[in-house]
Amino acid sequence: MASESGFLSSDSEDCEQKIISEFKKTSNLDNMTAAYSSIISHVGEDVNRQGLLKTPDRAAKAMLYFTKGYEQQLDGLLKTPDRAAKAMLYFTKGYEQQLDDILNEAVFDEDHDEMVIVKDIEMFSLCEHHLVPFNGKVHIGYIPNKKVLGLSKLARIVEMFSRRLQVQERLTKQIATAMVQAVQPAGVAVVIEASHMCMVMRGVQKINATTSTSCMLGVFREDPKTREEFLNLINKK
């Protein structure tokens, strides 16, 4: 509203600035949402998959929140789009990998039927809901059925599936299913303990919160003693 002098009052100026700010924010949000949709498509995912339908919008809002501290041009950002694109391709390189390529024939005939455990496998992935990281440790156990897998291949299986847009629950099951496909064991167990940046950096902002998921197949699901042995061993310091 104009004052008697013909200039906008302080309240009117504040209101106008808020309108302009909200317009810019809406425009930025729309552009960023479209950009994230393009990124998801180009890494090899289906943007229309149920779990990803709202991800571009959520990711755009999260990025605006993460960067709310400034609105300025920085020389250090000149090459950021190129670096970020290369980083995203690396973070999602698992889409280009297949289980047979990862195993590379490292499956060996062996008359061994006792539990094999590889624990504390470091894992880094991207939450498919906000495109921010989650990381933690993976513990894998299996009971061979005349076949054993090269130990390093367990870590490579984790790497292949974690280098995709993920939810922890699906990642856990994919690792277990891949183990079954690789060596047809009597049983397989997978436990993941992870910290999610979407809970740490935004939202509830609970820094110390961790999420644990498990997938038990075969004797690990059917026999409580076998499952208990596995859990005791991975928790042993």
Protein backbone atom coordinates (compact mmCIF):
# COMPACT_ATOMS: atom_id res chain seq x y z
CA MET A 1 0.00 0.00 0.00
CA ALA A 2 1.37 3.44 -0.97
CA SER A 3 2.17 6.00 1.71
CA GLU A 4 1.17 9.68 1.43
CA SER A 5 4.58 10.42 -0.12
CA GLY A 6 3.79 8.01 -2.92
CA PHE A 7 6.35 5.41 -1.89
CA LEU A 8 5.62 1.90 -0.71
CA SER A 9 5.39 1.54 3.04
CA SER A 10 7.86 -0.68 4.89
CA ASP A 11 5.16 -3.36 5.37
CA SER A 12 4.34 -3.30 1.67
CA GLU A 13 8.00 -3.59 0.73
CA ASP A 14 8.38 -6.58 3.04
CA CYS A 15 5.30 -8.18 1.53
CA GLU A 16 6.58 -7.60 -2.00
CA GLN A 17 9.95 -9.11 -1.15
CA LYS A 18 8.25 -12.17 0.32
CA ILE A 19 6.19 -12.61 -2.85
CA ILE A 20 9.31 -12.31 -5.02
CA SER A 21 11.20 -14.73 -2.77
CA GLU A 22 8.38 -17.28 -2.89
CA PHE A 23 8.14 -16.93 -6.67
CA LYS A 24 11.89 -17.58 -7.03
CA LYS A 25 11.67 -20.52 -4.66
CA THR A 26 8.78 -22.05 -6.61
CA SER A 27 10.60 -21.52 -9.91
CA ASN A 28 13.80 -23.03 -8.51
CA LEU A 29 11.89 -25.97 -7.10
CA ASP A 30 10.20 -26.69 -10.44
CA ASN A 31 13.52 -26.52 -12.29
CA MET A 32 15.32 -28.68 -9.74
CA THR A 33 12.50 -31.23 -9.75
CA ALA A 34 12.80 -31.54 -13.52
CA ALA A 35 16.59 -31.85 -13.21
CA TYR A 36 16.36 -34.65 -10.65
CA SER A 37 13.82 -36.46 -12.82
CA SER A 38 16.31 -36.31 -15.68
CA ILE A 39 19.15 -37.55 -13.47
CA ILE A 40 17.15 -40.56 -12.27
CA SER A 41 16.24 -41.46 -15.83
CA HIS A 42 19.81 -41.14 -17.09
CA VAL A 43 21.33 -43.38 -14.42
CA GLY A 44 19.09 -46.17 -15.69
CA GLU A 45 16.09 -46.07 -13.36
CA ASP A 46 12.39 -45.81 -14.17
CA VAL A 47 11.08 -42.49 -12.87
CA ASN A 48 7.58 -43.94 -12.97
CA ARG A 49 8.47 -46.80 -10.60
CA GLN A 50 6.25 -46.55 -7.53
CA GLY A 51 9.14 -45.94 -5.12
CA LEU A 52 10.50 -43.10 -7.28
CA LEU A 53 7.33 -41.24 -8.24
CA LYS A 54 7.82 -38.44 -5.70
CA THR A 55 11.62 -38.63 -5.48
CA PRO A 56 12.37 -35.67 -7.83
CA ASP A 57 10.17 -33.37 -5.76
CA ARG A 58 11.51 -34.66 -2.43
CA ALA A 59 15.12 -34.43 -3.62
CA ALA A 60 14.62 -30.87 -4.90
CA LYS A 61 13.11 -29.74 -1.60
CA ALA A 62 15.92 -31.44 0.33
CA MET A 63 18.57 -29.71 -1.80
CA LEU A 64 16.92 -26.31 -1.27
CA TYR A 65 16.98 -26.99 2.47
CA PHE A 66 20.63 -28.14 2.41
CA THR A 67 21.66 -24.97 0.54
CA LYS A 68 19.40 -22.41 2.19
CA GLY A 69 22.39 -20.56 3.64
CA TYR A 70 23.32 -18.60 0.53
CA GLU A 71 22.09 -17.14 -2.74
CA GLN A 72 25.25 -16.13 -4.54
CA GLN A 73 27.47 -17.07 -7.44
CA LEU A 74 30.75 -18.78 -6.51
CA ASP A 75 33.71 -19.46 -8.81
CA GLY A 76 34.09 -22.83 -7.15
CA LEU A 77 30.77 -23.91 -8.65
CA LEU A 78 31.76 -23.38 -12.28
CA LYS A 79 32.69 -27.04 -12.85
CA THR A 80 30.35 -28.49 -10.24
CA PRO A 81 27.66 -29.70 -12.70
CA ASP A 82 30.24 -31.75 -14.59
CA ARG A 83 31.80 -33.12 -11.40
CA ALA A 84 28.38 -33.89 -9.91
CA ALA A 85 27.29 -35.73 -13.07
CA LYS A 86 30.43 -37.89 -13.00
CA ALA A 87 29.94 -38.56 -9.30
CA MET A 88 26.33 -39.60 -9.83
CA LEU A 89 27.37 -42.04 -12.56
CA TYR A 90 29.91 -43.54 -10.16
CA PHE A 91 27.42 -43.72 -7.30
CA THR A 92 24.98 -45.63 -9.54
CA LYS A 93 27.43 -47.77 -11.52
CA GLY A 94 25.73 -50.89 -10.14
CA TYR A 95 23.07 -50.60 -12.85
CA GLU A 96 25.73 -51.48 -15.42
CA GLN A 97 26.91 -54.61 -13.59
CA GLN A 98 25.57 -58.17 -13.70
CA LEU A 99 26.04 -60.92 -11.13
CA ASP A 100 27.91 -63.25 -13.51
CA ASP A 101 30.41 -60.48 -14.27
CA ILE A 102 30.95 -59.85 -10.56
CA LEU A 103 31.45 -63.54 -9.75
CA ASN A 104 33.91 -64.01 -12.64
CA GLU A 105 33.73 -67.80 -12.20
CA ALA A 106 35.01 -67.58 -8.60
CA VAL A 107 32.66 -70.39 -7.51
CA PHE A 108 34.53 -73.46 -6.29
CA ASP A 109 33.53 -77.06 -5.57
CA GLU A 110 34.27 -77.72 -1.91
CA ASP A 111 33.01 -80.35 0.51
CA HIS A 112 32.38 -77.84 3.29
CA ASP A 113 29.08 -77.49 5.10
CA GLU A 114 29.92 -75.23 8.04
CA MET A 115 28.96 -71.58 8.35
CA VAL A 116 30.98 -68.96 6.45
CA ILE A 117 30.71 -65.34 7.60
CA VAL A 118 32.11 -62.12 6.17
CA LYS A 119 31.18 -59.22 8.40
CA ASP A 120 31.71 -55.46 8.60
CA ILE A 121 31.63 -54.96 4.82
CA GLU A 122 31.48 -51.19 4.37
CA MET A 123 28.53 -50.03 2.29
CA PHE A 124 27.62 -46.68 0.73
CA SER A 125 24.41 -46.08 -1.19
CA LEU A 126 21.86 -43.42 -2.16
CA CYS A 127 18.39 -43.31 -0.69
CA GLU A 128 15.96 -43.39 -3.59
CA HIS A 129 13.53 -41.08 -1.80
CA HIS A 130 15.78 -38.02 -1.40
CA LEU A 131 18.94 -38.96 -3.35
CA VAL A 132 21.09 -38.45 -0.26
CA PRO A 133 23.55 -41.03 1.09
CA PHE A 134 23.15 -43.79 3.60
CA ASN A 135 26.07 -45.87 4.75
CA GLY A 136 26.94 -48.61 7.16
CA LYS A 137 28.10 -52.20 7.43
CA VAL A 138 26.87 -55.43 5.90
CA HIS A 139 27.26 -58.86 7.49
CA ILE A 140 26.79 -61.96 5.32
CA GLY A 141 26.70 -65.59 6.39
CA TYR A 142 25.98 -68.72 4.41
CA ILE A 143 26.17 -72.48 4.77
CA PRO A 144 27.71 -74.02 1.64
CA ASN A 145 26.10 -76.85 -0.25
CA LYS A 146 29.10 -78.36 -2.07
CA LYS A 147 30.06 -74.92 -3.43
CA VAL A 148 31.90 -71.94 -1.92
CA LEU A 149 32.29 -68.40 -3.20
CA GLY A 150 35.54 -66.44 -3.31
CA LEU A 151 35.44 -64.28 -0.19
CA SER A 152 36.04 -61.01 -2.03
CA LYS A 153 32.97 -61.68 -4.16
CA LEU A 154 30.69 -61.16 -1.17
CA ALA A 155 31.97 -57.59 -0.90
CA ARG A 156 31.58 -57.12 -4.66
CA ILE A 157 27.96 -58.28 -4.50
CA VAL A 158 27.34 -55.67 -1.79
CA GLU A 159 29.03 -53.02 -3.94
CA MET A 160 26.98 -53.89 -7.05
CA PHE A 161 23.62 -53.55 -5.35
CA SER A 162 24.52 -50.62 -3.10
CA ARG A 163 25.70 -48.54 -6.08
CA ARG A 164 22.10 -47.98 -7.12
CA LEU A 165 19.18 -45.89 -5.89
CA GLN A 166 18.09 -48.00 -2.95
CA VAL A 167 16.03 -48.57 0.13
CA GLN A 168 17.81 -50.55 2.81
CA GLU A 169 15.13 -53.23 3.01
CA ARG A 170 15.38 -54.06 -0.71
CA LEU A 171 19.19 -53.91 -0.66
CA THR A 172 19.28 -56.50 2.13
CA LYS A 173 17.08 -58.94 0.21
CA GLN A 174 18.89 -58.41 -3.09
CA ILE A 175 22.21 -59.36 -1.51
CA ALA A 176 20.71 -62.50 0.03
CA THR A 177 19.00 -63.50 -3.22
CA ALA A 178 22.22 -63.01 -5.17
CA MET A 179 24.04 -65.33 -2.77
CA VAL A 180 21.40 -68.01 -3.38
CA GLN A 181 21.74 -67.55 -7.11
CA ALA A 182 25.54 -67.73 -6.93
CA VAL A 183 26.11 -70.90 -4.89
CA GLN A 184 22.71 -72.39 -3.98
CA PRO A 185 23.64 -72.64 -0.28
CA ALA A 186 21.73 -74.47 2.43
CA GLY A 187 21.00 -71.05 3.85
CA VAL A 188 22.04 -67.42 3.74
CA ALA A 189 21.76 -64.56 6.23
CA VAL A 190 22.29 -60.86 5.61
CA VAL A 191 22.20 -58.06 8.19
CA ILE A 192 22.72 -54.38 7.38
CA GLU A 193 23.25 -51.62 9.95
CA ALA A 194 23.18 -48.15 8.42
CA SER A 195 22.88 -44.44 9.10
CA HIS A 196 20.65 -42.46 6.74
CA MET A 197 21.53 -38.85 5.95
CA CYS A 198 17.88 -38.12 5.19
CA MET A 199 17.30 -38.64 8.94
CA VAL A 200 20.52 -36.95 10.05
CA MET A 201 20.64 -33.83 7.83
CA ARG A 202 16.94 -33.08 7.47
CA GLY A 203 13.56 -34.08 8.85
CA VAL A 204 13.90 -35.40 12.41
CA GLN A 205 17.70 -34.73 12.35
CA LYS A 206 18.55 -37.62 14.69
CA ILE A 207 22.33 -37.87 14.35
CA ASN A 208 22.79 -41.13 16.23
CA ALA A 209 19.86 -43.05 14.74
CA THR A 210 20.75 -46.27 12.92
CA THR A 211 18.57 -48.69 10.98
CA SER A 212 19.02 -52.47 11.05
CA THR A 213 17.52 -54.86 8.51
CA SER A 214 17.91 -58.59 7.99
CA CYS A 215 17.06 -61.28 5.47
CA MET A 216 17.20 -64.93 6.52
CA LEU A 217 16.79 -67.68 3.95
CA GLY A 218 16.95 -71.47 4.14
CA VAL A 219 18.22 -72.93 7.42
CA PHE A 220 18.78 -69.46 8.85
CA ARG A 221 15.03 -68.87 8.64
CA GLU A 222 13.98 -72.41 9.59
CA ASP A 223 16.43 -73.18 12.41
CA PRO A 224 16.53 -70.76 15.37
CA LYS A 225 19.86 -72.17 16.63
CA THR A 226 21.59 -71.56 13.29
CA ARG A 227 20.22 -68.03 13.18
CA GLU A 228 21.29 -67.42 16.77
CA GLU A 229 24.82 -68.65 16.04
CA PHE A 230 25.12 -66.23 13.13
CA LEU A 231 23.83 -63.27 15.13
CA ASN A 232 26.13 -64.06 18.05
CA LEU A 233 29.16 -64.27 15.77
CA ILE A 234 28.53 -60.98 13.96
CA ASN A 235 28.00 -59.21 17.28
CA LYS A 236 31.14 -60.67 18.80
CA LYS A 237 33.86 -58.05 19.21
